[in-house]
Amino acid sequence: MTMEKEQVLVLENITKAYGTRFSKEKKRVLGPVSLCIRKGEAVGITGENGAGKSTLLSVAAGIERQDAGKIELAPLGRGQLGYVPQEIALYPALTGMQNLRFFASAAGLYGRRRTIRCRYLLEKVNLADKADKPVSTYSGGMQRRLNLACALVGDVKLLLLDEPTVGADENSTEIILNTITALKNGGCAVLLVSHRAEDIARVCDRVVKLKDGVVEDGSR
C-alpha cells in the first residue's frame, strides 16, 4: 500500500473483534473498513450506538490494535497527532494552565515555548481568564474546550476527535467547532466522530456512516 500525495491517514480493510468473559468466541465490532483522509480535509464518522465509531477512532489513534488490515500514516513528528477522547481526559485538581503544561511537556515542549503555546491555546478556546482555576470548578463545556486544547499542544497535522461537543453548552460548542474548522483550513487532517448531524455538517467535507461495524454509506 503506497500513500498518495496529500494523504495523511489511510485505513485498509481494518477489522476488530472483542471476546467476552463468558465465551471464547470473539464478536466482530468493526470491519472491514477502509478510508483515507487528506491534508486539509475533515471526514465525519456517524452511526448508531454500537456501530463501531469509537473503536475505529481508537484503532486509528493507535490506542487499540486492529486484528487485521493496514494503517498507514504520513510521517508525523512528536506531538503532531492529536486525539480528543469522548471521556474528559483532564486532571481536575490541577488548573487549566497546569493541565496544558503537563500535556505540552509530553509533546516535547518546555520552557518559554511551552508557556507561549499554552497561553495561546487558552486564548483560542476562550479560557484565559480561567487559566489559574482548578479544572474541578469548570463547567462541562469549559472542560470540553480544555480537553480539545490539550490535544493541540503540539503542531498537530492529524486530529482525531470522539464526540468533542457532547454535553457542551451552545457557546462552548461554537468555540470548539470554530477551532476545529480553523485547523482544517490551515491544512490539518481531521477525523470526527459525532452523533450531532449539525456538527458534522458544519465541519466535515465527507461523511462515512457505519452500521454494524462496516461502511453503510460514504466515500472512501
N, C-alpha and C. Protein backbone atom coordinates (compact mmCIF):
# COMPACT_ATOMS: atom_id res chain seq x y z
N MET A 1 0.86 -1.20 0.00
CA MET A 1 0.00 0.00 0.00
C MET A 1 0.89 1.24 0.00
N THR A 2 0.71 2.07 -1.01
CA THR A 2 1.51 3.28 -1.13
C THR A 2 0.61 4.49 -0.97
N MET A 3 1.01 5.39 -0.09
CA MET A 3 0.20 6.58 0.14
C MET A 3 0.35 7.55 -1.01
N GLU A 4 -0.76 8.15 -1.39
CA GLU A 4 -0.74 9.17 -2.42
C GLU A 4 -0.38 10.51 -1.79
N LYS A 5 0.02 11.43 -2.64
CA LYS A 5 0.35 12.77 -2.17
C LYS A 5 -0.84 13.38 -1.46
N GLU A 6 -0.59 14.09 -0.38
CA GLU A 6 -1.60 14.78 0.42
C GLU A 6 -2.36 13.85 1.38
N GLN A 7 -2.21 12.53 1.23
CA GLN A 7 -2.87 11.64 2.18
C GLN A 7 -2.13 11.66 3.52
N VAL A 8 -2.89 11.76 4.60
CA VAL A 8 -2.31 11.81 5.94
C VAL A 8 -2.56 10.51 6.69
N LEU A 9 -3.72 9.91 6.47
CA LEU A 9 -4.09 8.65 7.13
C LEU A 9 -4.82 7.76 6.14
N VAL A 10 -4.38 6.51 6.06
CA VAL A 10 -5.04 5.52 5.21
C VAL A 10 -5.33 4.28 6.05
N LEU A 11 -6.59 3.87 6.08
CA LEU A 11 -7.01 2.63 6.73
C LEU A 11 -7.45 1.67 5.63
N GLU A 12 -6.92 0.46 5.66
CA GLU A 12 -7.20 -0.52 4.61
C GLU A 12 -7.71 -1.81 5.22
N ASN A 13 -8.99 -2.09 5.03
CA ASN A 13 -9.62 -3.34 5.48
C ASN A 13 -9.38 -3.62 6.96
N ILE A 14 -9.63 -2.62 7.78
CA ILE A 14 -9.42 -2.74 9.23
C ILE A 14 -10.55 -3.55 9.86
N THR A 15 -10.18 -4.51 10.72
CA THR A 15 -11.17 -5.25 11.49
C THR A 15 -10.76 -5.29 12.95
N LYS A 16 -11.76 -5.39 13.82
CA LYS A 16 -11.51 -5.50 15.26
C LYS A 16 -12.64 -6.31 15.89
N ALA A 17 -12.26 -7.26 16.75
CA ALA A 17 -13.25 -8.09 17.45
C ALA A 17 -12.89 -8.15 18.92
N TYR A 18 -13.91 -8.35 19.74
CA TYR A 18 -13.72 -8.46 21.18
C TYR A 18 -14.33 -9.77 21.68
N GLY A 19 -13.67 -10.36 22.66
CA GLY A 19 -14.23 -11.52 23.34
C GLY A 19 -15.00 -11.08 24.57
N THR A 20 -15.61 -12.04 25.23
CA THR A 20 -16.32 -11.76 26.48
C THR A 20 -15.83 -12.71 27.55
N ARG A 21 -16.14 -12.41 28.77
CA ARG A 21 -15.73 -13.26 29.89
C ARG A 21 -16.49 -14.58 29.90
N PHE A 22 -17.59 -14.65 29.13
CA PHE A 22 -18.42 -15.84 29.13
C PHE A 22 -18.21 -16.72 27.91
N SER A 23 -17.45 -16.24 26.94
CA SER A 23 -17.27 -17.00 25.72
C SER A 23 -15.88 -16.78 25.14
N LYS A 24 -15.31 -17.85 24.56
CA LYS A 24 -14.01 -17.73 23.92
C LYS A 24 -14.14 -17.14 22.52
N GLU A 25 -15.35 -17.18 21.99
CA GLU A 25 -15.57 -16.63 20.67
C GLU A 25 -15.57 -15.11 20.71
N LYS A 26 -14.93 -14.52 19.70
CA LYS A 26 -14.90 -13.07 19.61
C LYS A 26 -16.00 -12.57 18.69
N LYS A 27 -16.53 -11.41 19.04
CA LYS A 27 -17.55 -10.78 18.21
C LYS A 27 -16.92 -9.61 17.46
N ARG A 28 -17.06 -9.64 16.16
CA ARG A 28 -16.50 -8.54 15.36
C ARG A 28 -17.35 -7.29 15.56
N VAL A 29 -16.71 -6.20 15.93
CA VAL A 29 -17.41 -4.94 16.13
C VAL A 29 -17.02 -3.90 15.07
N LEU A 30 -16.00 -4.23 14.30
CA LEU A 30 -15.54 -3.28 13.29
C LEU A 30 -14.97 -4.03 12.10
N GLY A 31 -15.42 -3.63 10.92
CA GLY A 31 -14.76 -4.02 9.71
C GLY A 31 -15.41 -5.14 8.90
N PRO A 32 -14.79 -5.26 7.71
CA PRO A 32 -13.64 -4.48 7.25
C PRO A 32 -14.02 -3.04 6.85
N VAL A 33 -13.18 -2.11 7.25
CA VAL A 33 -13.39 -0.69 6.95
C VAL A 33 -12.15 -0.12 6.28
N SER A 34 -12.36 0.62 5.20
CA SER A 34 -11.27 1.31 4.52
C SER A 34 -11.65 2.77 4.32
N LEU A 35 -10.71 3.65 4.59
CA LEU A 35 -10.92 5.07 4.30
C LEU A 35 -9.59 5.79 4.31
N CYS A 36 -9.57 6.98 3.74
CA CYS A 36 -8.37 7.81 3.77
C CYS A 36 -8.76 9.25 4.06
N ILE A 37 -7.81 9.96 4.64
CA ILE A 37 -8.01 11.38 4.95
C ILE A 37 -6.82 12.14 4.39
N ARG A 38 -7.11 13.24 3.74
CA ARG A 38 -6.07 14.04 3.13
C ARG A 38 -5.82 15.33 3.91
N LYS A 39 -4.71 15.93 3.63
CA LYS A 39 -4.35 17.20 4.25
C LYS A 39 -5.46 18.22 4.02
N GLY A 40 -5.86 18.90 5.10
CA GLY A 40 -6.87 19.94 4.99
C GLY A 40 -8.28 19.42 4.77
N GLU A 41 -8.50 18.14 5.06
CA GLU A 41 -9.82 17.53 4.87
C GLU A 41 -10.36 17.05 6.21
N ALA A 42 -11.67 17.21 6.39
CA ALA A 42 -12.33 16.69 7.59
C ALA A 42 -13.33 15.62 7.16
N VAL A 43 -13.20 14.44 7.76
CA VAL A 43 -14.10 13.33 7.48
C VAL A 43 -14.92 13.04 8.73
N GLY A 44 -16.23 12.99 8.59
CA GLY A 44 -17.11 12.70 9.71
C GLY A 44 -17.50 11.24 9.74
N ILE A 45 -17.56 10.67 10.93
CA ILE A 45 -17.99 9.29 11.12
C ILE A 45 -19.29 9.31 11.92
N THR A 46 -20.35 8.75 11.34
CA THR A 46 -21.64 8.72 12.00
C THR A 46 -22.13 7.28 12.12
N GLY A 47 -23.22 7.10 12.85
CA GLY A 47 -23.80 5.77 13.02
C GLY A 47 -24.47 5.65 14.37
N GLU A 48 -25.27 4.61 14.52
CA GLU A 48 -25.96 4.37 15.78
C GLU A 48 -24.96 3.97 16.86
N ASN A 49 -25.41 3.99 18.11
CA ASN A 49 -24.59 3.47 19.20
C ASN A 49 -24.23 2.02 18.91
N GLY A 50 -22.96 1.67 19.12
CA GLY A 50 -22.51 0.31 18.86
C GLY A 50 -22.13 0.04 17.42
N ALA A 51 -22.13 1.08 16.58
CA ALA A 51 -21.81 0.89 15.16
C ALA A 51 -20.32 0.69 14.92
N GLY A 52 -19.48 1.03 15.91
CA GLY A 52 -18.04 0.87 15.76
C GLY A 52 -17.28 2.17 15.60
N LYS A 53 -17.95 3.29 15.82
CA LYS A 53 -17.32 4.60 15.59
C LYS A 53 -16.12 4.84 16.50
N SER A 54 -16.33 4.67 17.79
CA SER A 54 -15.25 4.92 18.75
C SER A 54 -14.12 3.90 18.60
N THR A 55 -14.49 2.66 18.26
CA THR A 55 -13.46 1.64 18.03
C THR A 55 -12.59 2.02 16.84
N LEU A 56 -13.22 2.49 15.78
CA LEU A 56 -12.46 2.93 14.60
C LEU A 56 -11.49 4.04 14.97
N LEU A 57 -11.95 4.98 15.76
CA LEU A 57 -11.10 6.11 16.14
C LEU A 57 -9.94 5.66 17.02
N SER A 58 -10.20 4.77 17.97
CA SER A 58 -9.13 4.32 18.87
C SER A 58 -8.11 3.48 18.13
N VAL A 59 -8.54 2.73 17.12
CA VAL A 59 -7.59 1.99 16.29
C VAL A 59 -6.75 2.95 15.46
N ALA A 60 -7.39 3.95 14.87
CA ALA A 60 -6.66 4.94 14.07
C ALA A 60 -5.65 5.70 14.91
N ALA A 61 -5.98 5.93 16.19
CA ALA A 61 -5.08 6.66 17.09
C ALA A 61 -3.96 5.78 17.64
N GLY A 62 -4.06 4.47 17.42
CA GLY A 62 -3.04 3.56 17.95
C GLY A 62 -3.28 3.16 19.39
N ILE A 63 -4.44 3.51 19.94
CA ILE A 63 -4.76 3.14 21.31
C ILE A 63 -5.11 1.66 21.39
N GLU A 64 -5.80 1.18 20.37
CA GLU A 64 -6.08 -0.24 20.24
C GLU A 64 -5.46 -0.74 18.94
N ARG A 65 -5.13 -2.02 18.92
CA ARG A 65 -4.53 -2.61 17.74
C ARG A 65 -5.59 -3.37 16.94
N GLN A 66 -5.60 -3.16 15.65
CA GLN A 66 -6.55 -3.87 14.80
C GLN A 66 -6.20 -5.35 14.75
N ASP A 67 -7.20 -6.19 14.47
CA ASP A 67 -6.97 -7.62 14.30
C ASP A 67 -6.44 -7.92 12.91
N ALA A 68 -6.88 -7.17 11.94
CA ALA A 68 -6.43 -7.35 10.56
C ALA A 68 -6.51 -6.02 9.84
N GLY A 69 -5.84 -5.95 8.69
CA GLY A 69 -5.84 -4.72 7.93
C GLY A 69 -4.58 -3.90 8.17
N LYS A 70 -4.45 -2.83 7.41
CA LYS A 70 -3.26 -1.99 7.46
C LYS A 70 -3.62 -0.54 7.74
N ILE A 71 -2.75 0.10 8.50
CA ILE A 71 -2.86 1.53 8.78
C ILE A 71 -1.58 2.19 8.31
N GLU A 72 -1.72 3.25 7.54
CA GLU A 72 -0.54 3.99 7.11
C GLU A 72 -0.73 5.46 7.42
N LEU A 73 0.28 6.03 8.04
CA LEU A 73 0.29 7.44 8.40
C LEU A 73 1.37 8.17 7.63
N ALA A 74 1.10 9.41 7.26
CA ALA A 74 2.17 10.26 6.76
C ALA A 74 3.17 10.46 7.89
N PRO A 75 4.43 10.73 7.56
CA PRO A 75 5.42 10.94 8.63
C PRO A 75 4.98 12.05 9.58
N LEU A 76 4.79 11.70 10.85
CA LEU A 76 4.37 12.66 11.86
C LEU A 76 5.39 12.70 12.97
N GLY A 77 5.76 13.91 13.37
CA GLY A 77 6.70 14.07 14.48
C GLY A 77 5.99 14.03 15.81
N ARG A 78 6.76 14.16 16.85
CA ARG A 78 6.21 14.14 18.21
C ARG A 78 5.21 15.28 18.39
N GLY A 79 4.03 14.96 18.88
CA GLY A 79 3.01 15.97 19.12
C GLY A 79 2.19 16.36 17.90
N GLN A 80 2.40 15.68 16.76
CA GLN A 80 1.67 16.06 15.55
C GLN A 80 0.39 15.26 15.33
N LEU A 81 0.15 14.27 16.18
CA LEU A 81 -1.12 13.54 16.18
C LEU A 81 -1.89 13.93 17.43
N GLY A 82 -3.04 14.55 17.24
CA GLY A 82 -3.88 14.96 18.37
C GLY A 82 -5.08 14.05 18.51
N TYR A 83 -5.38 13.66 19.74
CA TYR A 83 -6.52 12.76 19.99
C TYR A 83 -7.37 13.34 21.11
N VAL A 84 -8.66 13.52 20.83
CA VAL A 84 -9.61 14.02 21.82
C VAL A 84 -10.59 12.91 22.15
N PRO A 85 -10.46 12.27 23.31
CA PRO A 85 -11.37 11.18 23.68
C PRO A 85 -12.73 11.71 24.10
N GLN A 86 -13.71 10.83 24.05
CA GLN A 86 -15.05 11.24 24.50
C GLN A 86 -15.07 11.52 25.99
N GLU A 87 -14.37 10.71 26.75
CA GLU A 87 -14.27 10.95 28.19
C GLU A 87 -13.30 12.09 28.44
N ILE A 88 -13.63 12.97 29.35
CA ILE A 88 -12.74 14.09 29.68
C ILE A 88 -11.43 13.55 30.24
N ALA A 89 -10.32 13.89 29.58
CA ALA A 89 -9.01 13.38 29.98
C ALA A 89 -8.18 14.49 30.62
N LEU A 90 -8.67 15.00 31.73
CA LEU A 90 -8.02 16.10 32.43
C LEU A 90 -7.79 15.74 33.89
N TYR A 91 -6.91 16.49 34.54
CA TYR A 91 -6.65 16.32 35.97
C TYR A 91 -7.43 17.40 36.72
N PRO A 92 -8.54 17.02 37.36
CA PRO A 92 -9.44 18.03 37.95
C PRO A 92 -8.84 18.86 39.07
N ALA A 93 -7.84 18.33 39.79
CA ALA A 93 -7.24 19.08 40.89
C ALA A 93 -6.25 20.13 40.39
N LEU A 94 -5.81 19.99 39.13
CA LEU A 94 -4.86 20.95 38.55
C LEU A 94 -5.62 22.08 37.86
N THR A 95 -4.95 23.19 37.68
CA THR A 95 -5.55 24.31 36.96
C THR A 95 -5.54 24.03 35.46
N GLY A 96 -6.24 24.87 34.72
CA GLY A 96 -6.23 24.74 33.27
C GLY A 96 -4.83 24.86 32.71
N MET A 97 -4.07 25.85 33.19
CA MET A 97 -2.70 26.03 32.73
C MET A 97 -1.82 24.84 33.10
N GLN A 98 -1.97 24.31 34.28
CA GLN A 98 -1.17 23.16 34.70
C GLN A 98 -1.47 21.93 33.84
N ASN A 99 -2.72 21.73 33.50
CA ASN A 99 -3.07 20.63 32.61
C ASN A 99 -2.39 20.80 31.26
N LEU A 100 -2.47 21.99 30.70
CA LEU A 100 -1.85 22.24 29.41
C LEU A 100 -0.34 22.06 29.46
N ARG A 101 0.29 22.54 30.52
CA ARG A 101 1.73 22.38 30.65
C ARG A 101 2.13 20.91 30.71
N PHE A 102 1.32 20.11 31.41
CA PHE A 102 1.61 18.68 31.50
C PHE A 102 1.59 18.03 30.12
N PHE A 103 0.52 18.29 29.36
CA PHE A 103 0.41 17.68 28.03
C PHE A 103 1.42 18.27 27.05
N ALA A 104 1.76 19.53 27.22
CA ALA A 104 2.77 20.15 26.36
C ALA A 104 4.14 19.51 26.59
N SER A 105 4.46 19.22 27.84
CA SER A 105 5.73 18.55 28.14
C SER A 105 5.77 17.18 27.49
N ALA A 106 4.65 16.46 27.54
CA ALA A 106 4.58 15.14 26.91
C ALA A 106 4.77 15.23 25.40
N ALA A 107 4.41 16.38 24.82
CA ALA A 107 4.57 16.59 23.38
C ALA A 107 5.94 17.16 23.03
N GLY A 108 6.79 17.37 24.04
CA GLY A 108 8.16 17.82 23.80
C GLY A 108 8.37 19.31 23.87
N LEU A 109 7.43 20.04 24.47
CA LEU A 109 7.58 21.49 24.62
C LEU A 109 7.99 21.83 26.05
N TYR A 110 8.97 22.71 26.18
CA TYR A 110 9.46 23.10 27.50
C TYR A 110 9.76 24.60 27.52
N GLY A 111 9.93 25.12 28.72
CA GLY A 111 10.38 26.49 28.89
C GLY A 111 9.45 27.52 28.27
N ARG A 112 10.07 28.52 27.64
CA ARG A 112 9.31 29.64 27.09
C ARG A 112 8.36 29.20 25.98
N ARG A 113 8.81 28.25 25.15
CA ARG A 113 7.95 27.76 24.06
C ARG A 113 6.68 27.14 24.62
N ARG A 114 6.82 26.40 25.71
CA ARG A 114 5.66 25.77 26.32
C ARG A 114 4.70 26.83 26.88
N THR A 115 5.25 27.82 27.56
CA THR A 115 4.41 28.87 28.14
C THR A 115 3.65 29.63 27.06
N ILE A 116 4.34 30.00 25.99
CA ILE A 116 3.70 30.73 24.89
C ILE A 116 2.59 29.90 24.26
N ARG A 117 2.87 28.62 24.02
CA ARG A 117 1.88 27.75 23.38
C ARG A 117 0.64 27.58 24.27
N CYS A 118 0.86 27.37 25.54
CA CYS A 118 -0.26 27.16 26.47
C CYS A 118 -1.13 28.41 26.58
N ARG A 119 -0.49 29.58 26.66
CA ARG A 119 -1.26 30.83 26.73
C ARG A 119 -2.06 31.04 25.45
N TYR A 120 -1.45 30.72 24.32
CA TYR A 120 -2.14 30.85 23.03
C TYR A 120 -3.39 29.97 22.99
N LEU A 121 -3.24 28.72 23.44
CA LEU A 121 -4.37 27.79 23.39
C LEU A 121 -5.49 28.20 24.35
N LEU A 122 -5.12 28.71 25.51
CA LEU A 122 -6.15 29.19 26.44
C LEU A 122 -6.94 30.34 25.83
N GLU A 123 -6.25 31.22 25.12
CA GLU A 123 -6.94 32.31 24.41
C GLU A 123 -7.83 31.74 23.31
N LYS A 124 -7.30 30.74 22.61
CA LYS A 124 -8.01 30.15 21.47
C LYS A 124 -9.35 29.56 21.88
N VAL A 125 -9.39 28.92 23.04
CA VAL A 125 -10.64 28.29 23.50
C VAL A 125 -11.36 29.15 24.55
N ASN A 126 -10.95 30.41 24.63
CA ASN A 126 -11.62 31.40 25.49
C ASN A 126 -11.62 30.98 26.97
N LEU A 127 -10.46 30.55 27.45
CA LEU A 127 -10.32 30.16 28.86
C LEU A 127 -9.18 30.90 29.55
N ALA A 128 -8.68 31.96 28.93
CA ALA A 128 -7.54 32.68 29.51
C ALA A 128 -7.84 33.20 30.90
N ASP A 129 -9.07 33.61 31.13
CA ASP A 129 -9.43 34.16 32.44
C ASP A 129 -9.63 33.07 33.49
N LYS A 130 -9.62 31.81 33.05
CA LYS A 130 -9.78 30.68 33.97
C LYS A 130 -8.49 29.86 34.09
N ALA A 131 -7.40 30.39 33.57
CA ALA A 131 -6.15 29.63 33.49
C ALA A 131 -5.68 29.12 34.84
N ASP A 132 -5.87 29.89 35.89
CA ASP A 132 -5.35 29.53 37.21
C ASP A 132 -6.41 28.96 38.13
N LYS A 133 -7.54 28.58 37.56
CA LYS A 133 -8.61 27.96 38.34
C LYS A 133 -8.53 26.44 38.20
N PRO A 134 -8.80 25.69 39.27
CA PRO A 134 -8.82 24.23 39.17
C PRO A 134 -9.88 23.77 38.16
N VAL A 135 -9.55 22.75 37.41
CA VAL A 135 -10.49 22.23 36.41
C VAL A 135 -11.77 21.73 37.06
N SER A 136 -11.70 21.33 38.31
CA SER A 136 -12.89 20.87 39.03
C SER A 136 -13.95 21.96 39.16
N THR A 137 -13.54 23.22 38.99
CA THR A 137 -14.50 24.34 39.08
C THR A 137 -15.06 24.71 37.70
N TYR A 138 -14.57 24.09 36.64
CA TYR A 138 -15.02 24.39 35.29
C TYR A 138 -16.39 23.77 35.03
N SER A 139 -17.17 24.42 34.19
CA SER A 139 -18.41 23.82 33.72
C SER A 139 -18.08 22.69 32.74
N GLY A 140 -19.09 21.90 32.38
CA GLY A 140 -18.87 20.82 31.43
C GLY A 140 -18.36 21.32 30.09
N GLY A 141 -18.93 22.42 29.61
CA GLY A 141 -18.49 22.98 28.34
C GLY A 141 -17.06 23.50 28.39
N MET A 142 -16.68 24.10 29.50
CA MET A 142 -15.31 24.59 29.66
C MET A 142 -14.33 23.42 29.67
N GLN A 143 -14.71 22.33 30.32
CA GLN A 143 -13.84 21.16 30.33
C GLN A 143 -13.69 20.58 28.93
N ARG A 144 -14.77 20.61 28.15
CA ARG A 144 -14.69 20.15 26.77
C ARG A 144 -13.71 21.01 25.96
N ARG A 145 -13.75 22.31 26.18
CA ARG A 145 -12.83 23.20 25.47
C ARG A 145 -11.38 22.92 25.86
N LEU A 146 -11.14 22.73 27.15
CA LEU A 146 -9.78 22.44 27.59
C LEU A 146 -9.33 21.07 27.11
N ASN A 147 -10.26 20.12 27.05
CA ASN A 147 -9.95 18.78 26.54
C ASN A 147 -9.41 18.86 25.12
N LEU A 148 -10.03 19.73 24.31
CA LEU A 148 -9.55 19.95 22.95
C LEU A 148 -8.20 20.64 22.96
N ALA A 149 -8.06 21.69 23.75
CA ALA A 149 -6.80 22.44 23.79
C ALA A 149 -5.63 21.54 24.14
N CYS A 150 -5.84 20.60 25.06
CA CYS A 150 -4.75 19.71 25.48
C CYS A 150 -4.28 18.80 24.34
N ALA A 151 -5.17 18.54 23.38
CA ALA A 151 -4.78 17.73 22.22
C ALA A 151 -4.03 18.54 21.18
N LEU A 152 -4.00 19.86 21.34
CA LEU A 152 -3.42 20.74 20.33
C LEU A 152 -2.11 21.37 20.76
N VAL A 153 -1.51 20.84 21.82
CA VAL A 153 -0.29 21.46 22.33
C VAL A 153 0.87 21.35 21.35
N GLY A 154 0.87 20.31 20.52
CA GLY A 154 1.90 20.18 19.50
C GLY A 154 1.47 20.82 18.19
N ASP A 155 2.31 20.68 17.18
CA ASP A 155 1.99 21.18 15.84
C ASP A 155 1.18 20.11 15.13
N VAL A 156 -0.11 20.03 15.46
CA VAL A 156 -0.94 18.90 15.06
C VAL A 156 -1.22 18.91 13.55
N LYS A 157 -0.95 17.77 12.92
CA LYS A 157 -1.22 17.58 11.50
C LYS A 157 -2.40 16.64 11.26
N LEU A 158 -2.70 15.81 12.26
CA LEU A 158 -3.84 14.89 12.19
C LEU A 158 -4.56 14.95 13.52
N LEU A 159 -5.85 15.30 13.48
CA LEU A 159 -6.64 15.44 14.70
C LEU A 159 -7.80 14.45 14.68
N LEU A 160 -7.86 13.61 15.70
CA LEU A 160 -8.91 12.61 15.84
C LEU A 160 -9.78 12.99 17.03
N LEU A 161 -11.08 13.10 16.81
CA LEU A 161 -11.99 13.58 17.86
C LEU A 161 -13.18 12.65 18.03
N ASP A 162 -13.47 12.29 19.27
CA ASP A 162 -14.60 11.43 19.60
C ASP A 162 -15.63 12.23 20.40
N GLU A 163 -16.71 12.62 19.74
CA GLU A 163 -17.79 13.38 20.38
C GLU A 163 -17.27 14.58 21.17
N PRO A 164 -16.55 15.50 20.52
CA PRO A 164 -15.91 16.61 21.26
C PRO A 164 -16.87 17.63 21.86
N THR A 165 -18.13 17.63 21.42
CA THR A 165 -19.07 18.63 21.94
C THR A 165 -20.16 18.01 22.83
N VAL A 166 -20.06 16.73 23.13
CA VAL A 166 -21.12 16.09 23.91
C VAL A 166 -21.24 16.75 25.29
N GLY A 167 -22.44 17.16 25.64
CA GLY A 167 -22.67 17.80 26.93
C GLY A 167 -22.25 19.25 27.01
N ALA A 168 -21.74 19.80 25.91
CA ALA A 168 -21.28 21.20 25.93
C ALA A 168 -22.44 22.16 25.68
N ASP A 169 -22.35 23.33 26.27
CA ASP A 169 -23.35 24.37 26.03
C ASP A 169 -23.14 24.98 24.65
N GLU A 170 -24.07 25.81 24.23
CA GLU A 170 -24.03 26.37 22.88
C GLU A 170 -22.77 27.19 22.64
N ASN A 171 -22.36 27.99 23.60
CA ASN A 171 -21.17 28.82 23.44
C ASN A 171 -19.92 27.95 23.30
N SER A 172 -19.79 26.94 24.15
CA SER A 172 -18.62 26.06 24.08
C SER A 172 -18.60 25.27 22.78
N THR A 173 -19.77 24.81 22.34
CA THR A 173 -19.86 24.09 21.07
C THR A 173 -19.39 24.96 19.92
N GLU A 174 -19.80 26.22 19.92
CA GLU A 174 -19.38 27.15 18.87
C GLU A 174 -17.87 27.33 18.87
N ILE A 175 -17.28 27.50 20.03
CA ILE A 175 -15.82 27.68 20.14
C ILE A 175 -15.09 26.43 19.66
N ILE A 176 -15.57 25.27 20.06
CA ILE A 176 -14.93 24.01 19.67
C ILE A 176 -14.99 23.82 18.15
N LEU A 177 -16.16 24.01 17.57
CA LEU A 177 -16.31 23.82 16.12
C LEU A 177 -15.52 24.86 15.33
N ASN A 178 -15.48 26.09 15.80
CA ASN A 178 -14.67 27.12 15.13
C ASN A 178 -13.19 26.75 15.17
N THR A 179 -12.74 26.21 16.30
CA THR A 179 -11.33 25.82 16.43
C THR A 179 -10.99 24.69 15.48
N ILE A 180 -11.86 23.69 15.40
CA ILE A 180 -11.63 22.55 14.50
C ILE A 180 -11.62 23.02 13.05
N THR A 181 -12.56 23.87 12.69
CA THR A 181 -12.64 24.38 11.32
C THR A 181 -11.39 25.17 10.95
N ALA A 182 -10.91 26.00 11.87
CA ALA A 182 -9.70 26.77 11.61
C ALA A 182 -8.50 25.86 11.39
N LEU A 183 -8.41 24.80 12.16
CA LEU A 183 -7.31 23.84 11.99
C LEU A 183 -7.39 23.18 10.62
N LYS A 184 -8.58 22.76 10.24
CA LYS A 184 -8.76 22.14 8.92
C LYS A 184 -8.37 23.11 7.81
N ASN A 185 -8.82 24.33 7.91
CA ASN A 185 -8.50 25.33 6.90
C ASN A 185 -7.01 25.63 6.84
N GLY A 186 -6.31 25.36 7.95
CA GLY A 186 -4.86 25.54 7.99
C GLY A 186 -4.09 24.33 7.50
N GLY A 187 -4.80 23.28 7.06
CA GLY A 187 -4.12 22.11 6.49
C GLY A 187 -4.14 20.87 7.34
N CYS A 188 -4.72 20.94 8.54
CA CYS A 188 -4.79 19.77 9.42
C CYS A 188 -5.84 18.79 8.88
N ALA A 189 -5.52 17.51 8.91
CA ALA A 189 -6.49 16.47 8.57
C ALA A 189 -7.29 16.13 9.82
N VAL A 190 -8.61 15.97 9.66
CA VAL A 190 -9.50 15.79 10.81
C VAL A 190 -10.38 14.56 10.60
N LEU A 191 -10.46 13.73 11.63
CA LEU A 191 -11.41 12.61 11.65
C LEU A 191 -12.30 12.82 12.87
N LEU A 192 -13.59 13.09 12.61
CA LEU A 192 -14.53 13.49 13.66
C LEU A 192 -15.65 12.48 13.81
N VAL A 193 -15.75 11.89 15.00
CA VAL A 193 -16.88 11.04 15.35
C VAL A 193 -17.89 11.89 16.11
N SER A 194 -19.14 11.90 15.65
CA SER A 194 -20.17 12.67 16.34
C SER A 194 -21.55 12.14 16.01
N HIS A 195 -22.44 12.18 17.00
CA HIS A 195 -23.84 11.84 16.76
C HIS A 195 -24.64 13.08 16.40
N ARG A 196 -23.99 14.25 16.45
CA ARG A 196 -24.66 15.51 16.16
C ARG A 196 -24.51 15.85 14.68
N ALA A 197 -25.62 15.71 13.93
CA ALA A 197 -25.59 15.96 12.50
C ALA A 197 -25.15 17.38 12.18
N GLU A 198 -25.53 18.32 13.05
CA GLU A 198 -25.17 19.72 12.80
C GLU A 198 -23.67 19.96 12.92
N ASP A 199 -23.00 19.23 13.82
CA ASP A 199 -21.55 19.35 13.94
C ASP A 199 -20.86 18.80 12.70
N ILE A 200 -21.32 17.63 12.24
CA ILE A 200 -20.76 17.01 11.05
C ILE A 200 -20.93 17.92 9.84
N ALA A 201 -22.14 18.46 9.67
CA ALA A 201 -22.42 19.33 8.52
C ALA A 201 -21.58 20.60 8.56
N ARG A 202 -21.33 21.09 9.75
CA ARG A 202 -20.58 22.34 9.92
C ARG A 202 -19.10 22.17 9.59
N VAL A 203 -18.52 21.04 9.95
CA VAL A 203 -17.07 20.88 9.89
C VAL A 203 -16.59 20.03 8.72
N CYS A 204 -17.35 19.00 8.37
CA CYS A 204 -16.80 17.92 7.54
C CYS A 204 -17.03 18.11 6.04
N ASP A 205 -16.06 17.63 5.27
CA ASP A 205 -16.13 17.64 3.82
C ASP A 205 -16.78 16.37 3.29
N ARG A 206 -16.59 15.28 4.01
CA ARG A 206 -17.17 13.98 3.64
C ARG A 206 -17.72 13.31 4.89
N VAL A 207 -18.69 12.44 4.70
CA VAL A 207 -19.28 11.71 5.81
C VAL A 207 -19.27 10.22 5.50
N VAL A 208 -18.86 9.43 6.48
CA VAL A 208 -18.89 7.97 6.39
C VAL A 208 -19.82 7.45 7.48
N LYS A 209 -20.84 6.72 7.07
CA LYS A 209 -21.79 6.17 8.03
C LYS A 209 -21.49 4.70 8.28
N LEU A 210 -21.31 4.34 9.55
CA LEU A 210 -21.08 2.95 9.92
C LEU A 210 -22.37 2.31 10.41
N LYS A 211 -22.53 1.04 10.08
CA LYS A 211 -23.62 0.23 10.61
C LYS A 211 -23.09 -1.17 10.87
N ASP A 212 -23.22 -1.62 12.10
CA ASP A 212 -22.72 -2.94 12.50
C ASP A 212 -21.25 -3.11 12.13
N GLY A 213 -20.48 -2.03 12.27
CA GLY A 213 -19.04 -2.11 12.09
C GLY A 213 -18.53 -1.95 10.69
N VAL A 214 -19.42 -1.81 9.71
CA VAL A 214 -18.97 -1.65 8.33
C VAL A 214 -19.55 -0.36 7.75
N VAL A 215 -18.97 0.07 6.63
CA VAL A 215 -19.42 1.30 5.99
C VAL A 215 -20.75 1.04 5.28
N GLU A 216 -21.78 1.72 5.74
CA GLU A 216 -23.09 1.62 5.09
C GLU A 216 -23.23 2.64 3.98
N ASP A 217 -22.62 3.80 4.20
CA ASP A 217 -22.74 4.87 3.22
C ASP A 217 -21.54 5.80 3.38
N GLY A 218 -21.08 6.35 2.26
CA GLY A 218 -19.97 7.30 2.31
C GLY A 218 -18.83 6.86 1.43
N SER A 219 -18.06 7.83 0.97
CA SER A 219 -16.97 7.53 0.05
C SER A 219 -15.67 7.33 0.79
N ARG A 220 -14.82 6.54 0.23
CA ARG A 220 -13.50 6.27 0.79
C ARG A 220 -12.58 7.44 0.52
